[in-house]
Amino acid sequence: MARIRPPQHRADTPGIFIPRSDSSFDRDRFDRELLAMTEKDIPAATHPINRYYAGETRYDLQATDELLGQAVAAASYFDASKEPERFILRRLDWEQWHRVLGLLEQGQLGQGQLLAARYGVAEVQNSHIKLTGAATGMLTHEDMQRLFEVDSGLPVALGFACWRYSKPLTDAEKKA
């Protein structure tokens, strides 16, 4: 069998961010696999879920990755029957990208990520959270407050995801 070059994500797939704290996440499987990786001296950063949350798959849940010689996808770590909360990401346009990048380059990481979240969250599915500004292209102050009230770290995590989802293509992605 040919070796898979992880991760293999699709450029035309919308980014989907499922919070790590979602009840559908198979934490036991993840912990078992991390232990097996540690025993084989494989860096935890290469685990498909860690790569997914680092944005290396551009938040494509079906991106093929490799773990301990097996092909896997991030989607297999979430129980679909529990209907995970899914944040659909949109790519930042050139102006939004440069506004966010300007803040990041000035060392204002939190502000940059919060702005990326406001621009980049297109909708939320399977959630009680209502985001009134998502359809208009920018989350409102009230939307961001609702996210914060659910989980104070969620707006920043979403912003990181939107930023990573929107980054220019890497050389490896251009060759694919």
Protein backbone atom coordinates (compact mmCIF):
# COMPACT_ATOMS: atom_id res chain seq x y z
CA MET A 1 0.00 0.00 0.00
CA ALA A 2 1.33 3.43 -0.94
CA ARG A 3 2.25 5.74 1.91
CA ILE A 4 -0.27 8.56 2.42
CA ARG A 5 1.17 12.07 2.51
CA PRO A 6 -0.79 13.54 5.42
CA PRO A 7 -2.93 15.46 5.56
CA GLN A 8 -4.75 15.32 2.24
CA HIS A 9 -7.44 18.00 2.38
CA ARG A 10 -9.63 19.35 -0.38
CA ALA A 11 -9.30 22.96 -1.44
CA ASP A 12 -12.99 23.29 -2.35
CA THR A 13 -14.34 22.09 1.01
CA PRO A 14 -15.74 24.56 3.52
CA GLY A 15 -13.83 24.67 6.77
CA ILE A 16 -15.70 23.15 9.69
CA PHE A 17 -14.57 23.77 13.25
CA ILE A 18 -15.91 21.52 16.00
CA PRO A 19 -14.83 22.67 19.45
CA ARG A 20 -12.57 20.18 21.22
CA SER A 21 -14.92 20.35 24.21
CA ASP A 22 -17.88 19.07 22.15
CA SER A 23 -19.57 16.04 23.77
CA SER A 24 -19.31 14.12 20.48
CA PHE A 25 -15.49 14.06 20.69
CA ASP A 26 -14.07 10.58 21.39
CA ARG A 27 -11.62 11.63 24.09
CA ASP A 28 -10.88 8.05 25.17
CA ARG A 29 -9.75 7.05 21.67
CA PHE A 30 -7.65 10.18 21.37
CA ASP A 31 -5.95 9.55 24.75
CA ARG A 32 -5.25 5.87 23.87
CA GLU A 33 -3.69 6.88 20.57
CA LEU A 34 -1.56 9.58 22.20
CA LEU A 35 -0.26 6.97 24.64
CA ALA A 36 0.57 4.59 21.78
CA MET A 37 2.33 7.44 19.95
CA THR A 38 4.37 8.28 23.06
CA GLU A 39 5.43 4.64 23.38
CA LYS A 40 6.64 4.72 19.77
CA ASP A 41 8.32 8.12 20.25
CA ILE A 42 5.99 9.79 17.74
CA PRO A 43 5.36 13.50 18.40
CA ALA A 44 1.84 14.28 19.66
CA ALA A 45 1.68 17.21 17.25
CA THR A 46 1.41 14.73 14.35
CA HIS A 47 -1.83 13.17 15.66
CA PRO A 48 -4.65 13.81 13.15
CA ILE A 49 -6.77 15.66 15.74
CA ASN A 50 -3.88 17.90 16.76
CA ARG A 51 -3.18 18.60 13.08
CA TYR A 52 -6.88 19.37 12.54
CA TYR A 53 -6.93 21.88 15.44
CA ALA A 54 -3.65 23.39 14.25
CA GLY A 55 -5.33 24.11 10.90
CA GLU A 56 -3.04 21.85 8.89
CA THR A 57 -6.09 20.24 7.24
CA ARG A 58 -7.77 23.61 6.61
CA TYR A 59 -10.54 22.25 8.85
CA ASP A 60 -11.58 19.60 6.32
CA LEU A 61 -13.05 16.90 8.56
CA GLN A 62 -12.65 14.31 5.79
CA ALA A 63 -8.95 15.07 5.14
CA THR A 64 -7.02 11.83 5.02
CA ASP A 65 -4.21 11.64 7.53
CA GLU A 66 -2.05 8.83 8.82
CA LEU A 67 -1.80 7.46 12.33
CA LEU A 68 0.25 4.44 13.33
CA GLY A 69 0.17 3.12 9.77
CA GLN A 70 -3.58 3.60 9.28
CA ALA A 71 -5.46 6.16 7.19
CA VAL A 72 -7.80 8.23 9.36
CA ALA A 73 -9.80 11.45 9.16
CA ALA A 74 -10.67 13.91 11.91
CA ALA A 75 -14.37 13.21 11.31
CA SER A 76 -13.95 9.70 12.75
CA TYR A 77 -13.22 11.21 16.19
CA PHE A 78 -16.68 12.80 16.43
CA ASP A 79 -19.86 10.80 16.97
CA ALA A 80 -22.21 12.03 14.24
CA SER A 81 -25.24 10.64 16.11
CA LYS A 82 -24.58 13.25 18.82
CA GLU A 83 -24.79 16.01 16.20
CA PRO A 84 -21.63 17.95 17.03
CA GLU A 85 -21.74 21.73 17.13
CA ARG A 86 -20.21 22.80 13.82
CA PHE A 87 -18.91 26.26 13.03
CA ILE A 88 -18.74 26.81 9.28
CA LEU A 89 -15.79 29.00 8.32
CA ARG A 90 -15.51 31.46 5.46
CA ARG A 91 -12.26 32.58 3.94
CA LEU A 92 -11.24 36.13 4.71
CA ASP A 93 -11.05 38.39 1.69
CA TRP A 94 -7.83 40.29 0.93
CA GLU A 95 -8.78 43.35 2.98
CA GLN A 96 -9.92 41.35 6.00
CA TRP A 97 -6.79 39.17 5.78
CA HIS A 98 -4.52 42.23 5.87
CA ARG A 99 -6.41 43.81 8.78
CA VAL A 100 -6.02 40.61 10.78
CA LEU A 101 -2.41 40.13 9.70
CA GLY A 102 -1.58 43.71 10.68
CA LEU A 103 -2.76 43.07 14.23
CA LEU A 104 -0.90 39.75 14.43
CA GLU A 105 2.33 41.31 13.16
CA GLN A 106 2.02 44.07 15.77
CA GLY A 107 1.94 41.42 18.48
CA GLN A 108 -1.78 41.85 19.11
CA LEU A 109 -2.50 38.14 18.79
CA GLY A 110 -5.77 38.14 20.73
CA GLN A 111 -7.16 41.16 18.89
CA GLY A 112 -6.19 39.66 15.53
CA GLN A 113 -7.84 36.36 16.32
CA LEU A 114 -11.01 38.03 17.59
CA LEU A 115 -11.26 40.08 14.41
CA ALA A 116 -10.68 36.93 12.33
CA ALA A 117 -13.57 35.26 14.19
CA ARG A 118 -15.86 38.21 13.50
CA TYR A 119 -15.04 38.05 9.78
CA GLY A 120 -14.67 34.30 9.31
CA VAL A 121 -17.54 32.53 11.07
CA ALA A 122 -20.20 31.98 8.39
CA GLU A 123 -22.72 30.01 10.49
CA VAL A 124 -23.13 27.59 13.35
CA GLN A 125 -25.02 24.29 13.06
CA ASN A 126 -26.43 21.99 15.74
CA SER A 127 -26.18 24.71 18.34
CA HIS A 128 -28.39 26.77 20.60
CA ILE A 129 -26.13 29.75 19.82
CA LYS A 130 -27.71 32.23 17.44
CA LEU A 131 -25.27 34.35 15.44
CA THR A 132 -27.24 37.17 13.85
CA GLY A 133 -24.29 38.74 12.06
CA ALA A 134 -22.94 35.57 10.43
CA ALA A 135 -25.16 35.86 7.35
CA THR A 136 -24.13 39.49 6.79
CA GLY A 137 -20.42 38.72 6.76
CA MET A 138 -19.41 39.91 10.21
CA LEU A 139 -20.38 38.73 13.66
CA THR A 140 -21.83 41.45 15.85
CA HIS A 141 -20.62 42.46 19.28
CA GLU A 142 -23.62 40.56 20.69
CA ASP A 143 -22.67 37.43 18.71
CA MET A 144 -19.16 37.54 20.14
CA GLN A 145 -20.59 38.03 23.64
CA ARG A 146 -22.81 34.95 23.19
CA LEU A 147 -19.77 32.88 22.13
CA PHE A 148 -17.79 34.19 25.10
CA GLU A 149 -20.61 33.32 27.51
CA VAL A 150 -20.68 29.74 26.25
CA ASP A 151 -16.90 29.36 26.56
CA SER A 152 -14.55 32.29 27.19
CA GLY A 153 -11.89 30.69 24.96
CA LEU A 154 -14.22 29.96 22.04
CA PRO A 155 -13.99 33.35 20.26
CA VAL A 156 -10.17 33.15 20.18
CA ALA A 157 -10.20 29.48 19.10
CA LEU A 158 -12.61 30.32 16.30
CA GLY A 159 -10.46 33.28 15.28
CA PHE A 160 -7.37 31.08 15.10
CA ALA A 161 -9.32 28.61 12.95
CA CYS A 162 -10.57 31.37 10.61
CA TRP A 163 -7.05 32.76 10.27
CA ARG A 164 -5.49 29.34 9.55
CA TYR A 165 -8.31 28.46 7.15
CA SER A 166 -7.68 31.68 5.22
CA LYS A 167 -3.88 31.56 5.01
CA PRO A 168 -2.41 31.64 1.51
CA LEU A 169 -1.68 28.25 0.01
CA THR A 170 1.59 26.64 1.05
CA ASP A 171 4.02 25.33 -1.58
CA ALA A 172 2.90 21.76 -0.81
CA GLU A 173 -0.77 22.71 -1.31
CA LYS A 174 0.00 24.40 -4.64
CA LYS A 175 1.59 21.16 -5.89
CA ALA A 176 -1.37 19.00 -4.93
